[in-house]
Amino acid sequence: MKKLIVFDLDGTLAESKASLDADMSRLLHDLLGIVKVAVISGAGWPQFEKQVLSHLPQDESLANLSILPTCGTEFFPLRGGLEEALLGRFYPGRKGEDCGRAHEGGCRGGL
């Protein structure tokens, strides 16, 4: 059995700049339950949130998902959960810290 399956986002998992449809969301979620999946795109993180992450159940299967935005120049494994990936994305060095506290500190710090 394969250990990792990699998909391009636009034109493969979804129409260009469109969100995953219900069938693709269900299929991707099912696949995440049995194998690691990576999704790559030229789009940035906000597009992944809009097109992919907001259409998947926020459960333990996300631990098998990795996101590679901006043509793979960034890499965000979700094995620690979506919150951990967001901390790594927007607040490097603050992993393990509460998202709310990190966000408030970042805002006070001028971010």
Protein backbone atom coordinates (compact mmCIF):
# COMPACT_ATOMS: atom_id res chain seq x y z
CA MET A 1 0.00 0.00 0.00
CA LYS A 2 1.16 3.55 -0.72
CA LYS A 3 2.42 5.58 2.26
CA LEU A 4 1.76 9.04 0.82
CA ILE A 5 -0.53 10.38 -1.88
CA VAL A 6 0.08 13.89 -3.22
CA PHE A 7 -2.54 15.96 -5.03
CA ASP A 8 -2.50 19.31 -6.76
CA LEU A 9 -5.40 21.43 -5.55
CA ASP A 10 -6.66 23.47 -8.51
CA GLY A 11 -7.84 21.35 -11.40
CA THR A 12 -7.39 18.08 -9.51
CA LEU A 13 -9.22 18.12 -6.18
CA ALA A 14 -11.35 21.12 -7.11
CA GLU A 15 -12.03 23.39 -10.03
CA SER A 16 -9.59 26.30 -10.17
CA LYS A 17 -10.11 28.63 -7.18
CA ALA A 18 -13.24 26.69 -6.15
CA SER A 19 -13.86 24.89 -2.86
CA LEU A 20 -13.92 21.13 -2.55
CA ASP A 21 -17.39 19.85 -3.37
CA ALA A 22 -19.21 17.56 -0.91
CA ASP A 23 -18.20 14.36 -2.70
CA MET A 24 -14.52 15.29 -2.88
CA SER A 25 -14.54 16.41 0.77
CA ARG A 26 -15.97 13.04 1.81
CA LEU A 27 -13.52 11.09 -0.36
CA LEU A 28 -10.52 13.08 0.87
CA HIS A 29 -11.64 12.64 4.48
CA ASP A 30 -12.01 8.88 3.94
CA LEU A 31 -8.56 8.71 2.35
CA LEU A 32 -7.04 10.62 5.27
CA GLY A 33 -8.34 7.86 7.51
CA ILE A 34 -6.04 5.32 5.88
CA VAL A 35 -3.01 7.09 4.37
CA LYS A 36 -1.00 10.31 4.55
CA VAL A 37 -2.07 12.92 1.99
CA ALA A 38 -0.32 16.09 0.85
CA VAL A 39 -1.98 18.85 -1.14
CA ILE A 40 0.16 21.28 -3.12
CA SER A 41 -0.86 24.45 -4.93
CA GLY A 42 0.45 27.74 -6.17
CA ALA A 43 -2.10 29.36 -3.88
CA GLY A 44 -1.23 30.71 -0.44
CA TRP A 45 -2.44 29.60 2.97
CA PRO A 46 -5.69 31.66 2.91
CA GLN A 47 -6.77 29.87 -0.26
CA PHE A 48 -6.17 26.47 1.37
CA GLU A 49 -8.31 27.51 4.32
CA LYS A 50 -11.09 28.61 1.99
CA GLN A 51 -10.91 25.76 -0.53
CA VAL A 52 -9.90 22.77 1.58
CA LEU A 53 -9.70 23.06 5.35
CA SER A 54 -13.11 24.66 5.87
CA HIS A 55 -14.69 21.73 4.00
CA LEU A 56 -13.11 18.89 5.96
CA PRO A 57 -14.24 17.59 9.34
CA GLN A 58 -11.92 18.92 12.03
CA ASP A 59 -11.08 15.53 13.51
CA GLU A 60 -8.09 13.26 14.09
CA SER A 61 -7.84 12.37 10.39
CA LEU A 62 -6.28 15.80 9.77
CA ALA A 63 -3.13 14.40 11.37
CA ASN A 64 -2.51 12.64 8.03
CA LEU A 65 -2.80 15.86 6.00
CA SER A 66 0.06 18.11 4.93
CA ILE A 67 -0.45 21.40 3.13
CA LEU A 68 2.15 22.77 0.70
CA PRO A 69 1.10 26.28 -0.34
CA THR A 70 2.91 28.65 -2.69
CA CYS A 71 4.15 25.90 -5.04
CA GLY A 72 5.51 23.85 -2.15
CA THR A 73 7.78 26.61 -0.83
CA GLU A 74 6.00 26.23 2.53
CA PHE A 75 5.17 22.98 4.32
CA PHE A 76 2.58 22.56 7.05
CA PRO A 77 1.98 19.07 8.40
CA LEU A 78 -1.25 19.02 10.38
CA ARG A 79 -0.14 16.10 12.55
CA GLY A 80 -0.32 18.37 15.62
CA GLY A 81 -3.74 19.60 14.55
CA LEU A 82 -4.88 22.67 12.69
CA GLU A 83 -4.18 24.95 15.65
CA GLU A 84 -0.56 23.81 15.83
CA ALA A 85 -0.12 24.38 12.08
CA LEU A 86 -1.61 27.87 12.40
CA LEU A 87 0.74 28.73 15.24
CA GLY A 88 3.68 27.56 13.15
CA ARG A 89 2.41 29.54 10.18
CA PHE A 90 1.60 32.85 11.81
CA TYR A 91 3.61 32.77 15.04
CA PRO A 92 6.88 30.88 14.51
CA GLY A 93 8.53 29.89 17.78
CA ARG A 94 5.22 29.85 19.68
CA LYS A 95 4.17 26.25 18.99
CA GLY A 96 2.41 24.68 21.93
CA GLU A 97 1.08 28.06 23.06
CA ASP A 98 -2.63 28.82 23.14
CA CYS A 99 -3.74 30.32 19.79
CA GLY A 100 -5.71 33.08 21.48
CA ARG A 101 -2.77 34.12 23.66
CA ALA A 102 -0.38 34.00 20.71
CA HIS A 103 -2.74 36.08 18.58
CA GLU A 104 -3.23 38.68 21.29
CA GLY A 105 0.51 38.87 21.93
CA GLY A 106 1.17 39.15 18.22
CA CYS A 107 -1.31 41.99 17.87
CA ARG A 108 0.21 43.88 20.81
CA GLY A 109 3.62 43.21 19.34
CA GLY A 110 2.67 44.95 16.10
CA LEU A 111 1.91 41.93 13.93
